[in-house]
Protein backbone atom coordinates (compact mmCIF):
# COMPACT_ATOMS: atom_id res chain seq x y z
CA MET A 1 43.13 25.80 37.55
CA HIS A 2 40.36 23.25 37.07
CA HIS A 3 40.90 19.65 36.06
CA PHE A 4 38.15 17.45 34.82
CA GLY A 5 39.03 14.14 33.23
CA LEU A 6 37.79 11.14 31.35
CA ARG A 7 39.65 8.03 30.51
CA LEU A 8 40.13 7.27 26.69
CA ARG A 9 42.52 5.26 24.60
CA ALA A 10 43.86 7.65 21.84
CA GLU A 11 45.90 6.26 19.03
CA ARG A 12 48.54 4.06 20.38
CA THR A 13 49.30 5.52 23.75
CA GLN A 14 47.09 5.27 26.83
CA MET A 15 45.92 8.82 27.71
CA ASN A 16 43.67 10.19 30.49
CA PRO A 17 42.60 13.56 28.94
CA SER A 18 41.35 16.07 31.18
CA LEU A 19 40.10 19.74 30.64
CA TYR A 20 42.23 22.45 32.13
CA MET A 21 40.63 25.94 32.15
CA PHE A 22 42.18 29.22 33.02
CA LYS A 23 41.46 32.85 32.64
CA ARG A 24 43.57 35.57 31.18
CA GLY A 25 42.11 38.97 32.00
CA ALA A 26 42.23 42.68 32.24
CA GLY A 27 44.80 42.68 34.95
CA LYS A 28 47.40 40.81 32.68
CA VAL A 29 49.21 41.78 29.36
CA THR A 30 46.96 40.10 26.67
CA GLY A 31 48.07 42.14 23.75
CA ARG A 32 44.87 44.21 23.86
CA THR A 33 44.48 47.87 23.90
CA PRO A 34 43.53 49.55 27.21
CA HIS A 35 40.14 50.34 26.00
CA ASN A 36 39.49 46.66 24.89
CA GLN A 37 40.24 44.73 28.00
CA LYS A 38 38.34 41.39 28.03
CA THR A 39 38.85 38.31 30.11
CA GLU A 40 39.70 35.39 27.94
CA ILE A 41 39.03 31.80 29.05
CA HIS A 42 41.35 29.07 27.64
CA PHE A 43 40.23 25.53 27.37
CA VAL A 44 43.21 23.07 27.18
CA VAL A 45 43.42 19.34 27.15
CA VAL A 46 46.07 17.81 29.24
CA ASN A 47 47.14 14.16 30.04
CA MET A 48 46.59 13.22 33.49
CA ASP A 49 48.41 10.08 33.38
CA GLU A 50 51.65 12.02 33.22
CA PRO A 51 52.99 12.88 36.64
CA ARG A 52 53.99 16.47 35.62
CA LEU A 53 51.79 19.56 35.81
CA TYR A 54 50.64 21.96 33.08
CA PRO A 55 52.23 22.87 30.56
CA LEU A 56 54.39 19.74 30.75
CA ASN A 57 51.56 17.36 30.33
CA PHE A 58 49.79 19.55 27.37
CA ILE A 59 48.11 17.53 24.73
CA CYS A 60 46.20 20.27 22.66
CA VAL A 61 43.91 23.14 22.85
CA LEU A 62 40.10 22.39 22.76
CA PRO A 63 38.87 24.14 19.64
CA GLU A 64 35.97 26.50 19.69
CA GLN A 65 34.02 24.82 16.95
CA MET A 66 33.95 21.16 15.71
CA SER A 67 31.80 19.44 13.10
CA PRO A 68 31.12 15.76 13.48
CA GLY A 69 31.32 14.87 9.76
CA ALA A 70 33.98 17.37 8.61
CA GLN A 71 37.68 16.74 7.94
CA PRO A 72 39.83 17.09 11.12
CA ASN A 73 41.17 20.68 10.88
CA SER A 74 42.38 20.96 14.57
CA ASN A 75 45.04 19.07 16.48
CA PHE A 76 42.24 17.80 18.93
CA SER A 77 40.35 16.23 15.98
CA LYS A 78 43.68 14.67 14.66
CA ILE A 79 44.56 13.13 17.93
CA PHE A 80 41.23 11.78 19.01
CA GLY A 81 39.74 11.10 15.53
CA GLU A 82 35.97 10.11 15.45
CA LYS A 83 35.68 10.20 19.11
CA SER A 84 36.66 13.97 19.28
CA VAL A 85 33.06 15.39 19.42
CA PRO A 86 31.78 12.98 22.08
CA LEU A 87 35.12 13.30 24.13
CA ALA A 88 34.60 17.16 23.86
CA ARG A 89 31.02 17.10 24.89
CA SER A 90 31.81 14.67 27.83
CA LEU A 91 34.82 16.85 29.03
CA LEU A 92 32.61 20.13 28.90
CA ALA A 93 29.53 18.44 30.51
CA ASN A 94 31.82 16.99 33.44
CA ALA A 95 33.47 20.54 33.82
CA LEU A 96 29.95 22.35 33.90
CA GLU A 97 28.91 19.99 36.87
CA ARG A 98 31.77 20.96 38.94
CA GLU A 99 32.64 24.45 38.03
CA ASN A 100 31.77 27.34 40.47
CA ASP A 101 32.94 30.33 38.37
CA VAL A 102 30.03 32.13 36.68
CA GLU A 103 32.17 33.33 33.63
CA ILE A 104 33.64 29.90 33.09
CA LYS A 105 30.33 28.17 33.39
CA ALA A 106 28.94 30.62 30.61
CA ALA A 107 31.84 29.91 28.42
CA ILE A 108 31.34 26.15 28.84
CA GLY A 109 27.72 26.48 28.10
CA LYS A 110 28.52 28.41 24.74
CA ARG A 111 30.99 25.75 23.85
CA LEU A 112 28.48 22.95 24.48
CA LYS A 113 25.74 24.90 22.51
CA MET A 114 28.11 25.04 19.58
CA LEU A 115 28.70 21.27 19.72
CA GLU A 116 24.91 20.62 19.32
CA PRO A 117 24.01 19.49 15.72
CA ARG A 118 22.28 22.07 13.62
CA PRO A 119 18.79 21.07 12.24
CA ILE A 120 18.57 21.00 8.44
CA LEU A 121 16.86 24.12 7.36
CA ARG A 122 14.03 23.55 4.91
CA VAL A 123 11.93 26.18 3.31
CA LYS A 124 8.97 26.40 0.91
CA CYS A 125 9.53 27.52 -2.67
CA CYS A 126 7.88 30.72 -3.25
CA TYR A 127 6.52 29.61 -6.65
CA CYS A 128 5.61 25.89 -6.37
CA GLY A 129 5.24 25.40 -2.60
CA ASN A 130 7.66 22.42 -2.46
CA LEU A 131 10.09 22.11 0.41
CA PHE A 132 13.84 22.19 -0.28
CA GLU A 133 17.22 23.05 1.38
CA PRO A 134 18.10 26.46 0.43
CA LYS A 135 21.51 27.96 -0.32
CA LYS A 136 22.71 30.95 1.62
CA PHE A 137 23.87 34.12 -0.49
CA ARG A 138 25.40 36.43 1.97
CA ARG A 139 22.90 36.99 4.59
CA TYR A 140 20.04 35.83 2.33
CA TYR A 141 18.58 32.42 1.61
CA GLN A 142 17.42 31.15 -1.67
CA ARG A 143 13.72 31.47 -2.16
CA ALA A 144 13.02 29.44 -5.33
CA CYS A 145 13.73 25.79 -5.74
CA ILE A 146 16.16 24.49 -8.33
CA ASP A 147 13.31 23.47 -10.78
CA CYS A 148 11.54 26.67 -10.57
CA LYS A 149 14.87 28.49 -11.01
CA LYS A 150 15.63 26.40 -14.17
CA LYS A 151 12.04 27.24 -15.50
CA MET A 152 12.65 30.89 -15.01
CA LEU A 153 16.17 30.85 -16.66
CA PHE A 154 14.88 28.90 -19.76
CA ASN A 155 11.72 30.98 -20.19
CA ARG A 156 13.79 34.11 -20.58
CA THR A 157 15.32 32.95 -23.89
């Protein structure tokens, strides 16, 4: 049981959100088959201003993936709004500094890496050489820019 907190004003109530991490592993019933025993690490956001312990001070689960500009699709994003990504980063960074368990440190590192913004991918058109942002088709990326693609389509007829 690990608590790492940061003060923040969320909506109308004063909250002191903190990250509570725990493992559910191979020794406990996790709903997995005996051949697929895996240790699961759960990240839960709790309110440290409430005098009660977990699960009574539960706020929400920290989602695995969050995108800064997207619609809030998780309770964490709905509760903390625009400050959800910076709050998640600060909670995870704070937990990474204080954590001793190797498995939990690795899980925190993965979560922090997922929160990093992805660079915009730009490739050269294979026909004209101009840079453009390609669309992805299954596992492949578009090779020709829109202008060259239009030229190819109109030249067929």
